[in-house]
Amino acid sequence: MHLQGSVKSAYLAATSYAFIIGFSFMFVKITVATVHPLDVLAHRFMIGLIALLIPVLLGKVRITVTMKEVWRIVPLGVLSPILFFLFQTFGLLNASSGEAGIIVSLVPLFTLPMAMLFLKERSNLRQQLSLLLSVAGAVLIFAMKGDLGGARLEGIALLLLSALSFAGYGVLARPLVRKHAPLELAFITTAMGFIAFNGAALFRHIGAGTIDGYFQPFGDRPYLLALLYLGILSSVGTTVLSSYALRFLEASKVSVFGNLATLISLLAGAIILHESLGWYHVLGTLMILGGIWGTNRGKVASKPDNGKKASHETVTRM
């Protein structure tokens, strides 16, 4: 019963993760339209790290990772947030949100062979066909929207690298989340993003003699609101949610929820930006949801050990 409840919670976490990612493209576009991408990344991870430090300093969350364990987590942080967000943010300078949505929907295709090769995860023909159905649904939606012609090859290449980085992150995180609480992984990887991006942004400003420009964007209220979403929910929240989901679900199953994020980004545009919906939106939606359902049918991941249980208690206590 405990495992069954944990699996249900894992699906809820993966769904919540998809909703947050789905809205994040809109906020990224808002920020990079006025502020240099390196500054955006530096600011969002500064806010993310502050958000994580508060419960740690208040004693609500304990970080018990040793230095040896930190070095094992470093490759995870390099893949995401550093490479994933770096490629994504710069890619969105030269690509539309539609193209970004299509490429995000390709993450499961990258994850499945990686998970089979490195994690020895198995998938049957039904799951493989369901995965392709879900990807096809996402591709159909954005192909029919007709916004594929405006991006340069550079933006597409960077977004593809972003998708590959996140697929690698999902596979590498799978064994690590069995040993560490999601908040521990989030704290270490967010700190890595803070150091890397703030170091790069400050180096750029010092070299150009524009150090005041680092702080100036904080006076822009729309930028600050978008930054709070990206820093707290998109950077930290998704790390915690995906780490929790990966403790109880296979990496290939969790990755397919990225296609749900594609759907959410479309709905956000329709509701908030008043974009029209066509027949292909309905058909693509059914394909995405059908693919998610088909991919996630079957046996669940093995029962977590005592370390996992302890990690779960750490999360619920926050």
Protein backbone atom coordinates (compact mmCIF):
# COMPACT_ATOMS: atom_id res chain seq x y z
CA MET A 1 0.00 0.00 0.00
CA HIS A 2 2.85 2.37 0.85
CA LEU A 3 4.56 1.74 -2.51
CA GLN A 4 1.28 2.14 -4.39
CA GLY A 5 0.66 5.49 -2.69
CA SER A 6 4.22 6.57 -3.44
CA VAL A 7 3.79 5.73 -7.11
CA LYS A 8 0.59 7.78 -7.26
CA SER A 9 2.47 10.67 -5.65
CA ALA A 10 5.23 10.21 -8.23
CA TYR A 11 2.73 10.58 -11.07
CA LEU A 12 1.31 13.69 -9.38
CA ALA A 13 4.85 15.09 -9.09
CA ALA A 14 5.55 14.37 -12.77
CA THR A 15 2.28 16.06 -13.78
CA SER A 16 3.03 19.12 -11.65
CA TYR A 17 6.52 19.23 -13.17
CA ALA A 18 4.97 19.24 -16.65
CA PHE A 19 2.65 22.14 -15.78
CA ILE A 20 5.54 24.26 -14.47
CA ILE A 21 7.72 23.56 -17.52
CA GLY A 22 4.77 24.26 -19.81
CA PHE A 23 4.52 27.84 -18.58
CA SER A 24 8.27 28.40 -18.33
CA PHE A 25 8.82 29.02 -22.06
CA MET A 26 6.55 32.05 -21.88
CA PHE A 27 8.47 33.49 -18.93
CA VAL A 28 11.85 32.80 -20.53
CA LYS A 29 10.77 34.70 -23.64
CA ILE A 30 9.69 37.64 -21.44
CA THR A 31 13.05 37.83 -19.67
CA VAL A 32 15.46 37.35 -22.58
CA ALA A 33 13.58 39.99 -24.58
CA THR A 34 15.01 42.72 -22.33
CA VAL A 35 17.94 41.20 -20.39
CA HIS A 36 21.09 39.35 -21.50
CA PRO A 37 20.62 35.55 -21.23
CA LEU A 38 23.58 35.15 -18.87
CA ASP A 39 22.07 37.73 -16.51
CA VAL A 40 18.71 35.95 -16.64
CA LEU A 41 20.36 32.65 -15.70
CA ALA A 42 22.44 34.30 -12.96
CA HIS A 43 19.40 36.02 -11.45
CA ARG A 44 17.09 32.99 -11.58
CA PHE A 45 19.59 30.73 -9.84
CA MET A 46 20.39 33.36 -7.25
CA ILE A 47 16.68 33.49 -6.39
CA GLY A 48 16.46 29.71 -6.51
CA LEU A 49 19.37 29.27 -4.12
CA ILE A 50 17.91 31.83 -1.69
CA ALA A 51 14.59 29.95 -1.76
CA LEU A 52 16.40 26.73 -0.83
CA LEU A 53 18.59 28.36 1.81
CA ILE A 54 15.61 29.65 3.81
CA PRO A 55 14.30 26.24 5.01
CA VAL A 56 17.89 25.02 5.50
CA LEU A 57 18.80 27.99 7.72
CA LEU A 58 15.52 27.64 9.63
CA GLY A 59 16.35 24.01 10.35
CA LYS A 60 13.34 22.68 8.46
CA VAL A 61 15.53 20.79 5.99
CA ARG A 62 18.88 19.10 6.66
CA ILE A 63 21.54 18.67 3.99
CA THR A 64 23.63 15.66 5.01
CA VAL A 65 25.58 15.02 1.81
CA THR A 66 29.31 14.37 2.26
CA MET A 67 31.98 15.93 0.06
CA LYS A 68 32.58 12.58 -1.62
CA GLU A 69 28.89 12.33 -2.47
CA VAL A 70 28.89 15.90 -3.77
CA TRP A 71 31.47 14.97 -6.39
CA ARG A 72 29.20 12.14 -7.55
CA ILE A 73 26.37 14.65 -8.00
CA VAL A 74 28.50 17.17 -9.92
CA PRO A 75 28.00 15.47 -13.34
CA LEU A 76 24.24 15.66 -12.74
CA GLY A 77 24.46 19.40 -12.09
CA VAL A 78 26.57 19.88 -15.22
CA LEU A 79 23.83 18.30 -17.35
CA SER A 80 21.06 20.17 -15.54
CA PRO A 81 20.89 22.97 -14.68
CA ILE A 82 24.10 24.20 -16.32
CA LEU A 83 24.02 22.75 -19.85
CA PHE A 84 20.25 22.28 -20.06
CA PHE A 85 19.33 25.86 -19.13
CA LEU A 86 22.32 27.40 -20.93
CA PHE A 87 21.41 25.77 -24.26
CA GLN A 88 17.69 26.40 -23.75
CA THR A 89 18.00 30.09 -22.88
CA PHE A 90 20.37 30.95 -25.73
CA GLY A 91 18.41 28.72 -28.11
CA LEU A 92 15.21 30.65 -27.44
CA LEU A 93 16.92 33.81 -28.69
CA ASN A 94 16.79 32.42 -32.23
CA ALA A 95 13.91 29.95 -32.06
CA SER A 96 10.19 30.24 -31.50
CA SER A 97 8.38 28.72 -28.56
CA GLY A 98 6.75 26.31 -31.03
CA GLU A 99 10.11 24.94 -32.09
CA ALA A 100 11.16 24.70 -28.46
CA GLY A 101 8.01 22.72 -27.74
CA ILE A 102 8.70 20.29 -30.55
CA ILE A 103 12.25 19.68 -29.41
CA VAL A 104 11.20 19.22 -25.77
CA SER A 105 8.80 16.55 -27.00
CA LEU A 106 11.80 14.67 -28.43
CA VAL A 107 13.39 14.20 -24.99
CA PRO A 108 11.64 10.80 -24.44
CA LEU A 109 13.09 9.53 -27.71
CA PHE A 110 16.57 10.37 -26.43
CA THR A 111 15.85 9.05 -22.94
CA LEU A 112 14.48 5.63 -23.87
CA PRO A 113 17.62 4.28 -25.59
CA MET A 114 19.84 5.85 -22.92
CA ALA A 115 17.79 4.24 -20.14
CA MET A 116 17.87 0.88 -21.90
CA LEU A 117 21.64 1.12 -22.41
CA PHE A 118 22.80 2.51 -19.06
CA LEU A 119 19.99 1.58 -16.64
CA LYS A 120 18.94 -1.69 -18.30
CA GLU A 121 15.32 -0.51 -18.28
CA ARG A 122 13.01 -2.56 -20.44
CA SER A 123 10.20 -1.42 -22.69
CA ASN A 124 7.75 -3.44 -24.72
CA LEU A 125 6.42 -2.73 -28.18
CA ARG A 126 3.25 -1.09 -26.82
CA GLN A 127 5.25 1.37 -24.75
CA GLN A 128 7.54 2.19 -27.65
CA LEU A 129 4.61 2.82 -30.00
CA SER A 130 2.86 4.88 -27.32
CA LEU A 131 5.99 6.99 -26.93
CA LEU A 132 6.08 7.65 -30.66
CA LEU A 133 2.36 8.51 -30.59
CA SER A 134 2.92 11.09 -27.86
CA VAL A 135 5.86 12.66 -29.70
CA ALA A 136 3.86 12.70 -32.94
CA GLY A 137 1.04 14.54 -31.18
CA ALA A 138 3.38 17.28 -29.98
CA VAL A 139 5.00 17.57 -33.43
CA LEU A 140 1.58 17.74 -35.13
CA ILE A 141 0.44 20.64 -32.94
CA PHE A 142 3.43 22.87 -33.59
CA ALA A 143 3.89 21.87 -37.23
CA MET A 144 0.30 22.87 -37.96
CA LYS A 145 0.76 26.15 -36.08
CA GLY A 146 3.10 27.14 -38.87
CA ASP A 147 5.82 28.83 -36.79
CA LEU A 148 8.68 26.62 -37.92
CA GLY A 149 10.18 28.98 -40.48
CA GLY A 150 11.37 31.84 -38.33
CA ALA A 151 14.20 30.29 -36.38
CA ARG A 152 17.78 29.98 -37.40
CA LEU A 153 19.67 26.71 -37.43
CA GLU A 154 21.73 27.90 -34.47
CA GLY A 155 18.66 28.11 -32.21
CA ILE A 156 17.45 24.66 -33.26
CA ALA A 157 20.89 23.15 -32.66
CA LEU A 158 21.09 24.67 -29.16
CA LEU A 159 17.61 23.42 -28.27
CA LEU A 160 18.54 19.94 -29.46
CA LEU A 161 21.61 20.03 -27.22
CA SER A 162 19.32 21.16 -24.39
CA ALA A 163 17.04 18.18 -24.98
CA LEU A 164 20.00 15.79 -25.05
CA SER A 165 21.32 17.27 -21.80
CA PHE A 166 17.98 16.79 -20.09
CA ALA A 167 17.66 13.22 -21.35
CA GLY A 168 21.09 12.49 -19.90
CA TYR A 169 20.04 14.17 -16.66
CA GLY A 170 16.98 11.91 -16.35
CA VAL A 171 19.08 8.79 -16.82
CA LEU A 172 21.90 9.88 -14.50
CA ALA A 173 19.47 11.04 -11.81
CA ARG A 174 17.72 7.68 -11.61
CA PRO A 175 20.37 5.93 -9.42
CA LEU A 176 21.19 9.12 -7.47
CA VAL A 177 17.61 9.75 -6.30
CA ARG A 178 17.67 6.36 -4.60
CA LYS A 179 20.43 7.60 -2.28
CA HIS A 180 19.62 11.28 -1.80
CA ALA A 181 16.52 13.30 -0.96
CA PRO A 182 15.16 15.44 -3.82
CA LEU A 183 15.86 18.62 -1.85
CA GLU A 184 19.48 17.60 -1.37
CA LEU A 185 19.93 17.14 -5.10
CA ALA A 186 18.10 20.40 -5.77
CA PHE A 187 20.30 22.28 -3.31
CA ILE A 188 23.58 21.04 -4.77
CA THR A 189 22.64 21.41 -8.43
CA THR A 190 21.09 24.85 -7.84
CA ALA A 191 24.27 25.96 -6.05
CA MET A 192 26.24 24.77 -9.07
CA GLY A 193 24.01 26.81 -11.37
CA PHE A 194 24.39 29.84 -9.10
CA ILE A 195 28.19 29.64 -9.15
CA ALA A 196 28.50 28.95 -12.88
CA PHE A 197 26.03 31.52 -14.19
CA ASN A 198 26.79 34.32 -11.73
CA GLY A 199 30.50 33.83 -12.33
CA ALA A 200 29.98 34.09 -16.11
CA ALA A 201 27.63 37.09 -15.83
CA LEU A 202 29.90 39.04 -13.47
CA PHE A 203 32.94 38.25 -15.63
CA ARG A 204 31.07 39.65 -18.65
CA HIS A 205 30.01 42.82 -16.81
CA ILE A 206 33.42 43.45 -15.26
CA GLY A 207 35.09 43.01 -18.64
CA ALA A 208 32.66 45.46 -20.24
CA GLY A 209 32.72 47.89 -17.30
CA THR A 210 28.96 47.59 -16.83
CA ILE A 211 28.70 46.07 -13.35
CA ASP A 212 25.66 48.27 -12.60
CA GLY A 213 23.87 46.48 -15.42
CA TYR A 214 23.84 43.30 -13.37
CA PHE A 215 21.51 44.85 -10.78
CA GLN A 216 19.49 47.18 -13.00
CA PRO A 217 16.90 44.61 -14.25
CA PHE A 218 15.61 44.06 -10.70
CA GLY A 219 13.84 47.41 -10.96
CA ASP A 220 11.62 46.08 -13.76
CA ARG A 221 8.52 44.58 -12.10
CA PRO A 222 7.42 42.27 -15.00
CA TYR A 223 10.97 40.94 -15.23
CA LEU A 224 11.13 40.36 -11.48
CA LEU A 225 7.81 38.48 -11.45
CA ALA A 226 8.91 36.30 -14.36
CA LEU A 227 12.22 35.73 -12.59
CA LEU A 228 10.49 34.57 -9.39
CA TYR A 229 8.58 31.98 -11.40
CA LEU A 230 11.71 30.80 -13.20
CA GLY A 231 13.94 30.85 -10.12
CA ILE A 232 11.64 29.21 -7.57
CA LEU A 233 9.20 27.05 -9.52
CA SER A 234 10.99 26.29 -12.78
CA SER A 235 14.56 25.90 -11.49
CA VAL A 236 14.06 24.51 -7.97
CA GLY A 237 10.52 23.14 -8.06
CA THR A 238 11.02 21.03 -11.17
CA THR A 239 14.25 19.56 -9.80
CA VAL A 240 12.49 18.45 -6.61
CA LEU A 241 9.44 17.12 -8.45
CA SER A 242 11.38 15.25 -11.15
CA SER A 243 13.78 13.79 -8.57
CA TYR A 244 10.85 12.50 -6.52
CA ALA A 245 9.14 11.04 -9.58
CA LEU A 246 12.35 9.30 -10.68
CA ARG A 247 12.58 7.49 -7.34
CA PHE A 248 9.46 5.47 -8.12
CA LEU A 249 9.12 5.59 -11.92
CA GLU A 250 11.46 4.58 -14.73
CA ALA A 251 13.34 7.40 -16.46
CA SER A 252 11.60 6.64 -19.77
CA LYS A 253 8.18 6.99 -18.09
CA VAL A 254 9.01 10.30 -16.41
CA SER A 255 10.48 11.80 -19.59
CA VAL A 256 7.24 11.35 -21.54
CA PHE A 257 5.59 13.92 -19.26
CA GLY A 258 7.67 16.49 -21.13
CA ASN A 259 5.12 16.09 -23.93
CA LEU A 260 2.41 17.13 -21.49
CA ALA A 261 4.48 20.27 -20.91
CA THR A 262 4.26 20.90 -24.64
CA LEU A 263 0.48 20.73 -24.39
CA ILE A 264 0.45 23.08 -21.37
CA SER A 265 2.56 25.64 -23.22
CA LEU A 266 0.00 25.59 -26.01
CA LEU A 267 -2.95 26.02 -23.63
CA ALA A 268 -1.13 28.84 -21.84
CA GLY A 269 -0.84 30.67 -25.14
CA ALA A 270 -4.54 30.15 -25.88
CA ILE A 271 -5.77 31.23 -22.43
CA ILE A 272 -3.31 34.00 -21.56
CA LEU A 273 -2.37 35.26 -25.03
CA HIS A 274 -5.80 34.49 -26.58
CA GLU A 275 -4.37 32.37 -29.38
CA SER A 276 -6.89 30.39 -31.42
CA LEU A 277 -7.31 26.60 -31.17
CA GLY A 278 -7.81 24.38 -34.23
CA TRP A 279 -8.74 20.77 -34.90
CA TYR A 280 -5.09 19.76 -34.81
CA HIS A 281 -4.84 21.01 -31.22
CA VAL A 282 -7.60 18.61 -30.17
CA LEU A 283 -6.14 15.69 -32.14
CA GLY A 284 -2.62 16.41 -30.91
CA THR A 285 -3.87 16.63 -27.34
CA LEU A 286 -5.53 13.21 -27.60
CA MET A 287 -2.34 11.74 -29.10
CA ILE A 288 -0.19 13.20 -26.32
CA LEU A 289 -2.45 12.00 -23.52
CA GLY A 290 -2.89 8.60 -25.17
CA GLY A 291 0.86 8.26 -25.52
CA ILE A 292 1.43 9.16 -21.87
CA TRP A 293 -1.20 6.62 -20.77
CA GLY A 294 0.21 3.86 -22.97
CA THR A 295 3.83 4.46 -22.00
CA ASN A 296 3.06 4.39 -18.27
CA ARG A 297 1.05 1.18 -18.27
CA GLY A 298 2.77 -1.84 -16.80
CA LYS A 299 4.90 -2.64 -13.79
CA VAL A 300 6.16 0.11 -11.51
CA ALA A 301 9.72 0.59 -10.33
CA SER A 302 11.07 -1.58 -7.55
CA LYS A 303 10.25 -0.81 -3.94
CA PRO A 304 12.49 1.88 -2.46
CA ASP A 305 14.98 0.97 0.22
CA ASN A 306 15.28 2.55 3.64
CA GLY A 307 17.31 5.40 2.21
CA LYS A 308 14.44 6.24 -0.11
CA LYS A 309 11.99 6.18 2.76
CA ALA A 310 14.15 8.59 4.70
CA SER A 311 14.32 10.84 1.68
CA HIS A 312 10.54 10.81 1.37
CA GLU A 313 10.22 11.88 4.99
CA THR A 314 12.57 14.79 4.34
CA VAL A 315 10.43 16.00 1.45
CA THR A 316 7.10 15.71 3.23
CA ARG A 317 8.46 17.51 6.26
CA MET A 318 9.14 20.61 4.19
